């Protein structure tokens, strides 16, 4: 589980990243990011893509677990919102982790 210290909780920070941040995406995920005071991450599984709450929760748990492995490689002072799209539902944990890594490389958010 991703540590609570990395969660993007403040509404003002969330809105700032969502509205004013840059984004990269593929058919599975969209990542919005913006500079903040510290590294914070939020995960979103929209009702429009996933009707059942159990499915949305499963997707977010999988995304948090995938991110936990690579959180130390992500640049500091970055706010990130990860938005799930419908096809991610069929991917397993390892595939999800690779998708996230590829998007972070594309966004130039990884240190290594």
N, C-alpha and C. Protein backbone atom coordinates (compact mmCIF):
# COMPACT_ATOMS: atom_id res chain seq x y z
N UNK A 1 0.84 -1.18 0.00
CA UNK A 1 0.00 0.00 0.00
C UNK A 1 0.88 1.24 0.00
N UNK A 2 0.50 2.22 -0.76
CA UNK A 2 1.22 3.48 -0.85
C UNK A 2 1.06 4.24 0.47
N UNK A 3 2.15 4.73 1.01
CA UNK A 3 2.14 5.44 2.28
C UNK A 3 1.24 6.68 2.21
N UNK A 4 0.58 6.99 3.31
CA UNK A 4 -0.34 8.13 3.35
C UNK A 4 0.36 9.47 3.17
N UNK A 5 1.65 9.52 3.47
CA UNK A 5 2.37 10.79 3.31
C UNK A 5 2.44 11.24 1.85
N UNK A 6 2.25 10.32 0.91
CA UNK A 6 2.31 10.64 -0.51
C UNK A 6 0.94 10.93 -1.12
N UNK A 7 -0.12 10.89 -0.35
CA UNK A 7 -1.46 11.08 -0.91
C UNK A 7 -1.75 12.56 -1.13
N UNK A 8 -2.31 12.86 -2.27
CA UNK A 8 -2.73 14.23 -2.61
C UNK A 8 -4.12 14.42 -2.03
N UNK A 9 -4.22 15.14 -0.91
CA UNK A 9 -5.48 15.25 -0.18
C UNK A 9 -6.14 16.61 -0.28
N UNK A 10 -5.35 17.66 -0.25
CA UNK A 10 -5.93 19.01 -0.24
C UNK A 10 -6.69 19.29 -1.53
N UNK A 11 -7.89 19.79 -1.37
CA UNK A 11 -8.72 20.10 -2.52
C UNK A 11 -8.06 21.14 -3.42
N UNK A 12 -7.41 22.13 -2.82
CA UNK A 12 -6.77 23.18 -3.61
C UNK A 12 -5.62 22.60 -4.45
N UNK A 13 -4.82 21.70 -3.87
CA UNK A 13 -3.73 21.07 -4.62
C UNK A 13 -4.29 20.19 -5.73
N UNK A 14 -5.32 19.41 -5.41
CA UNK A 14 -5.92 18.52 -6.39
C UNK A 14 -6.46 19.31 -7.58
N UNK A 15 -7.22 20.39 -7.30
CA UNK A 15 -7.77 21.21 -8.37
C UNK A 15 -6.68 21.89 -9.18
N UNK A 16 -5.63 22.32 -8.51
CA UNK A 16 -4.52 22.97 -9.20
C UNK A 16 -3.85 22.01 -10.19
N UNK A 17 -3.57 20.79 -9.73
CA UNK A 17 -2.94 19.80 -10.61
C UNK A 17 -3.89 19.43 -11.74
N UNK A 18 -5.16 19.23 -11.41
CA UNK A 18 -6.12 18.78 -12.41
C UNK A 18 -6.37 19.83 -13.48
N UNK A 19 -6.50 21.08 -13.08
CA UNK A 19 -6.86 22.14 -14.04
C UNK A 19 -5.66 22.78 -14.72
N UNK A 20 -4.56 22.97 -13.98
CA UNK A 20 -3.43 23.71 -14.53
C UNK A 20 -2.23 22.85 -14.89
N UNK A 21 -2.29 21.57 -14.54
CA UNK A 21 -1.16 20.69 -14.79
C UNK A 21 -1.09 20.20 -16.23
N UNK A 22 0.07 19.68 -16.59
CA UNK A 22 0.26 19.07 -17.91
C UNK A 22 -0.21 17.63 -17.84
N UNK A 23 -0.40 17.00 -19.01
CA UNK A 23 -0.85 15.61 -18.99
C UNK A 23 -0.22 14.79 -20.11
N UNK A 24 -0.08 13.51 -19.82
CA UNK A 24 0.31 12.51 -20.82
C UNK A 24 -0.66 11.34 -20.64
N UNK A 25 -0.92 10.64 -21.74
CA UNK A 25 -1.87 9.53 -21.62
C UNK A 25 -1.61 8.48 -22.69
N UNK A 26 -2.20 7.34 -22.44
CA UNK A 26 -2.28 6.28 -23.44
C UNK A 26 -3.69 5.71 -23.32
N UNK A 27 -3.94 4.56 -23.91
CA UNK A 27 -5.31 4.05 -23.88
C UNK A 27 -5.71 3.46 -22.53
N UNK A 28 -4.76 3.32 -21.60
CA UNK A 28 -5.05 2.72 -20.30
C UNK A 28 -5.15 3.75 -19.17
N UNK A 29 -4.28 4.76 -19.20
CA UNK A 29 -4.20 5.74 -18.11
C UNK A 29 -3.95 7.14 -18.65
N UNK A 30 -4.30 8.12 -17.84
CA UNK A 30 -3.91 9.50 -18.09
C UNK A 30 -3.22 9.98 -16.82
N UNK A 31 -2.08 10.64 -16.98
CA UNK A 31 -1.36 11.19 -15.84
C UNK A 31 -1.30 12.70 -15.99
N UNK A 32 -1.83 13.41 -14.98
CA UNK A 32 -1.72 14.86 -14.92
C UNK A 32 -0.71 15.19 -13.85
N UNK A 33 0.13 16.18 -14.10
CA UNK A 33 1.19 16.50 -13.14
C UNK A 33 1.51 17.98 -13.15
N UNK A 34 2.00 18.44 -12.00
CA UNK A 34 2.34 19.85 -11.82
C UNK A 34 3.30 19.95 -10.64
N UNK A 35 4.12 20.96 -10.61
CA UNK A 35 5.03 21.18 -9.49
C UNK A 35 4.26 21.59 -8.24
N UNK A 36 4.59 20.94 -7.13
CA UNK A 36 4.05 21.29 -5.81
C UNK A 36 5.20 21.37 -4.82
N UNK A 37 4.90 21.63 -3.55
CA UNK A 37 5.96 21.72 -2.55
C UNK A 37 6.59 20.36 -2.27
N UNK A 38 5.79 19.28 -2.36
CA UNK A 38 6.31 17.94 -2.09
C UNK A 38 5.63 16.92 -3.00
N UNK A 39 6.14 15.72 -3.00
CA UNK A 39 5.63 14.65 -3.86
C UNK A 39 4.29 14.16 -3.33
N UNK A 40 3.22 14.31 -4.14
CA UNK A 40 1.88 13.88 -3.76
C UNK A 40 1.21 13.22 -4.96
N UNK A 41 0.42 12.16 -4.69
CA UNK A 41 -0.19 11.38 -5.76
C UNK A 41 -1.64 11.09 -5.42
N UNK A 42 -2.52 11.18 -6.41
CA UNK A 42 -3.93 10.81 -6.26
C UNK A 42 -4.30 9.86 -7.39
N UNK A 43 -5.26 8.98 -7.11
CA UNK A 43 -5.71 8.00 -8.09
C UNK A 43 -7.21 8.16 -8.28
N UNK A 44 -7.64 8.20 -9.55
CA UNK A 44 -9.04 8.41 -9.86
C UNK A 44 -9.51 7.31 -10.80
N UNK A 45 -10.66 6.72 -10.45
CA UNK A 45 -11.32 5.74 -11.32
C UNK A 45 -12.75 6.26 -11.52
N UNK A 46 -13.00 6.97 -12.61
CA UNK A 46 -14.29 7.65 -12.80
C UNK A 46 -15.48 6.69 -12.91
N UNK A 47 -16.61 7.15 -12.39
CA UNK A 47 -17.85 6.38 -12.47
C UNK A 47 -18.25 6.19 -13.93
N UNK A 48 -17.90 7.15 -14.78
CA UNK A 48 -18.25 7.03 -16.20
C UNK A 48 -17.53 5.86 -16.87
N UNK A 49 -16.38 5.45 -16.34
CA UNK A 49 -15.64 4.32 -16.90
C UNK A 49 -15.91 3.01 -16.17
N UNK A 50 -16.13 3.09 -14.86
CA UNK A 50 -16.31 1.90 -14.03
C UNK A 50 -17.57 2.08 -13.20
N UNK A 51 -18.63 1.40 -13.55
CA UNK A 51 -19.94 1.60 -12.93
C UNK A 51 -19.99 1.12 -11.48
N UNK A 52 -19.37 0.00 -11.18
CA UNK A 52 -19.48 -0.59 -9.85
C UNK A 52 -18.37 -0.07 -8.93
N UNK A 53 -18.76 0.25 -7.70
CA UNK A 53 -17.81 0.76 -6.72
C UNK A 53 -16.71 -0.25 -6.43
N UNK A 54 -17.06 -1.52 -6.38
CA UNK A 54 -16.06 -2.56 -6.11
C UNK A 54 -14.98 -2.57 -7.19
N UNK A 55 -15.37 -2.37 -8.43
CA UNK A 55 -14.41 -2.32 -9.54
C UNK A 55 -13.52 -1.08 -9.42
N UNK A 56 -14.12 0.07 -9.11
CA UNK A 56 -13.34 1.30 -8.95
C UNK A 56 -12.32 1.15 -7.83
N UNK A 57 -12.74 0.57 -6.73
CA UNK A 57 -11.83 0.37 -5.60
C UNK A 57 -10.70 -0.59 -5.96
N UNK A 58 -11.02 -1.65 -6.68
CA UNK A 58 -10.00 -2.62 -7.11
C UNK A 58 -8.96 -1.97 -8.01
N UNK A 59 -9.43 -1.15 -8.94
CA UNK A 59 -8.53 -0.45 -9.87
C UNK A 59 -7.62 0.49 -9.07
N UNK A 60 -8.17 1.25 -8.16
CA UNK A 60 -7.36 2.19 -7.38
C UNK A 60 -6.36 1.46 -6.48
N UNK A 61 -6.75 0.34 -5.89
CA UNK A 61 -5.82 -0.45 -5.08
C UNK A 61 -4.66 -0.95 -5.93
N UNK A 62 -4.98 -1.42 -7.13
CA UNK A 62 -3.94 -1.92 -8.04
C UNK A 62 -2.99 -0.80 -8.46
N UNK A 63 -3.53 0.37 -8.74
CA UNK A 63 -2.70 1.51 -9.13
C UNK A 63 -1.80 1.95 -7.97
N UNK A 64 -2.35 2.01 -6.75
CA UNK A 64 -1.54 2.38 -5.59
C UNK A 64 -0.41 1.39 -5.36
N UNK A 65 -0.71 0.11 -5.48
CA UNK A 65 0.31 -0.92 -5.27
C UNK A 65 1.39 -0.84 -6.36
N UNK A 66 1.00 -0.60 -7.58
CA UNK A 66 1.97 -0.47 -8.67
C UNK A 66 2.88 0.74 -8.44
N UNK A 67 2.29 1.83 -7.97
CA UNK A 67 3.06 3.05 -7.73
C UNK A 67 4.00 2.90 -6.56
N UNK A 68 3.63 2.10 -5.57
CA UNK A 68 4.45 1.92 -4.37
C UNK A 68 5.84 1.41 -4.72
N UNK A 69 5.94 0.58 -5.74
CA UNK A 69 7.22 0.01 -6.16
C UNK A 69 8.17 1.05 -6.75
N UNK A 70 7.61 2.08 -7.37
CA UNK A 70 8.46 3.03 -8.11
C UNK A 70 8.42 4.44 -7.53
N UNK A 71 7.80 4.62 -6.37
CA UNK A 71 7.63 5.97 -5.81
C UNK A 71 8.97 6.66 -5.54
N UNK A 72 9.99 5.91 -5.17
CA UNK A 72 11.28 6.52 -4.87
C UNK A 72 11.99 7.04 -6.12
N UNK A 73 11.62 6.55 -7.30
CA UNK A 73 12.24 6.99 -8.55
C UNK A 73 11.55 8.22 -9.14
N UNK A 74 10.39 8.59 -8.60
CA UNK A 74 9.65 9.74 -9.11
C UNK A 74 10.27 11.02 -8.56
N UNK A 75 10.34 12.04 -9.40
CA UNK A 75 10.93 13.32 -8.98
C UNK A 75 10.17 13.90 -7.80
N UNK A 76 10.92 14.55 -6.90
CA UNK A 76 10.32 15.22 -5.75
C UNK A 76 9.60 16.48 -6.20
N UNK A 77 8.76 17.00 -5.31
CA UNK A 77 8.05 18.26 -5.55
C UNK A 77 7.17 18.20 -6.79
N UNK A 78 6.46 17.08 -6.94
CA UNK A 78 5.56 16.91 -8.07
C UNK A 78 4.22 16.40 -7.58
N UNK A 79 3.15 17.04 -8.02
CA UNK A 79 1.79 16.54 -7.75
C UNK A 79 1.34 15.75 -8.96
N UNK A 80 0.84 14.53 -8.74
CA UNK A 80 0.46 13.65 -9.83
C UNK A 80 -0.95 13.14 -9.58
N UNK A 81 -1.79 13.16 -10.63
CA UNK A 81 -3.10 12.53 -10.60
C UNK A 81 -3.10 11.45 -11.68
N UNK A 82 -3.40 10.22 -11.29
CA UNK A 82 -3.47 9.09 -12.22
C UNK A 82 -4.94 8.78 -12.44
N UNK A 83 -5.40 8.91 -13.69
CA UNK A 83 -6.80 8.69 -14.04
C UNK A 83 -6.90 7.40 -14.85
N UNK A 84 -7.68 6.46 -14.35
CA UNK A 84 -7.83 5.16 -15.01
C UNK A 84 -8.84 5.25 -16.15
N UNK A 85 -8.54 4.53 -17.22
CA UNK A 85 -9.47 4.41 -18.34
C UNK A 85 -9.96 2.97 -18.40
N UNK A 86 -11.02 2.72 -19.11
CA UNK A 86 -11.71 1.43 -19.13
C UNK A 86 -10.80 0.22 -19.41
N UNK A 87 -9.90 0.24 -20.39
CA UNK A 87 -9.11 -0.96 -20.69
C UNK A 87 -8.17 -1.42 -19.58
N UNK A 88 -7.87 -0.58 -18.59
CA UNK A 88 -6.95 -0.97 -17.51
C UNK A 88 -7.56 -2.08 -16.66
N UNK A 89 -8.85 -2.23 -16.71
CA UNK A 89 -9.55 -3.24 -15.92
C UNK A 89 -9.06 -4.66 -16.21
N UNK A 90 -8.63 -4.90 -17.44
CA UNK A 90 -8.21 -6.24 -17.86
C UNK A 90 -6.73 -6.52 -17.60
N UNK A 91 -5.99 -5.56 -17.10
CA UNK A 91 -4.55 -5.73 -16.89
C UNK A 91 -4.26 -6.23 -15.47
N UNK A 92 -3.19 -7.01 -15.35
CA UNK A 92 -2.79 -7.47 -14.02
C UNK A 92 -1.82 -6.46 -13.40
N UNK A 93 -1.33 -6.79 -12.20
CA UNK A 93 -0.48 -5.85 -11.45
C UNK A 93 0.81 -5.53 -12.18
N UNK A 94 1.48 -6.54 -12.72
CA UNK A 94 2.75 -6.34 -13.41
C UNK A 94 2.57 -5.47 -14.66
N UNK A 95 1.53 -5.76 -15.43
CA UNK A 95 1.27 -4.97 -16.64
C UNK A 95 0.92 -3.52 -16.28
N UNK A 96 0.18 -3.34 -15.21
CA UNK A 96 -0.17 -2.00 -14.75
C UNK A 96 1.07 -1.22 -14.36
N UNK A 97 1.99 -1.88 -13.68
CA UNK A 97 3.24 -1.23 -13.28
C UNK A 97 4.05 -0.78 -14.50
N UNK A 98 4.11 -1.61 -15.52
CA UNK A 98 4.83 -1.25 -16.75
C UNK A 98 4.16 -0.07 -17.46
N UNK A 99 2.84 -0.06 -17.49
CA UNK A 99 2.11 1.05 -18.12
C UNK A 99 2.42 2.35 -17.40
N UNK A 100 2.42 2.31 -16.06
CA UNK A 100 2.72 3.51 -15.28
C UNK A 100 4.15 3.98 -15.53
N UNK A 101 5.10 3.06 -15.53
CA UNK A 101 6.50 3.42 -15.78
C UNK A 101 6.65 4.09 -17.13
N UNK A 102 6.03 3.51 -18.16
CA UNK A 102 6.13 4.08 -19.51
C UNK A 102 5.58 5.50 -19.56
N UNK A 103 4.46 5.73 -18.89
CA UNK A 103 3.89 7.08 -18.89
C UNK A 103 4.76 8.06 -18.10
N UNK A 104 5.34 7.61 -17.00
CA UNK A 104 6.21 8.49 -16.23
C UNK A 104 7.48 8.85 -17.00
N UNK A 105 7.99 7.91 -17.77
CA UNK A 105 9.16 8.19 -18.64
C UNK A 105 8.75 9.21 -19.71
N UNK A 106 7.59 9.00 -20.29
CA UNK A 106 7.09 9.91 -21.33
C UNK A 106 6.90 11.33 -20.78
N UNK A 107 6.48 11.43 -19.50
CA UNK A 107 6.29 12.72 -18.87
C UNK A 107 7.57 13.29 -18.27
N UNK A 108 8.65 12.51 -18.32
CA UNK A 108 9.94 12.89 -17.74
C UNK A 108 9.84 13.14 -16.24
N UNK A 109 9.13 12.25 -15.55
CA UNK A 109 8.95 12.38 -14.12
C UNK A 109 9.80 11.40 -13.32
N UNK A 110 10.55 10.53 -14.01
CA UNK A 110 11.41 9.59 -13.32
C UNK A 110 12.83 10.15 -13.23
N UNK A 111 13.48 9.91 -12.12
CA UNK A 111 14.85 10.40 -11.94
C UNK A 111 15.86 9.56 -12.67
N UNK A 112 15.62 8.26 -12.77
CA UNK A 112 16.61 7.37 -13.36
C UNK A 112 16.38 7.17 -14.83
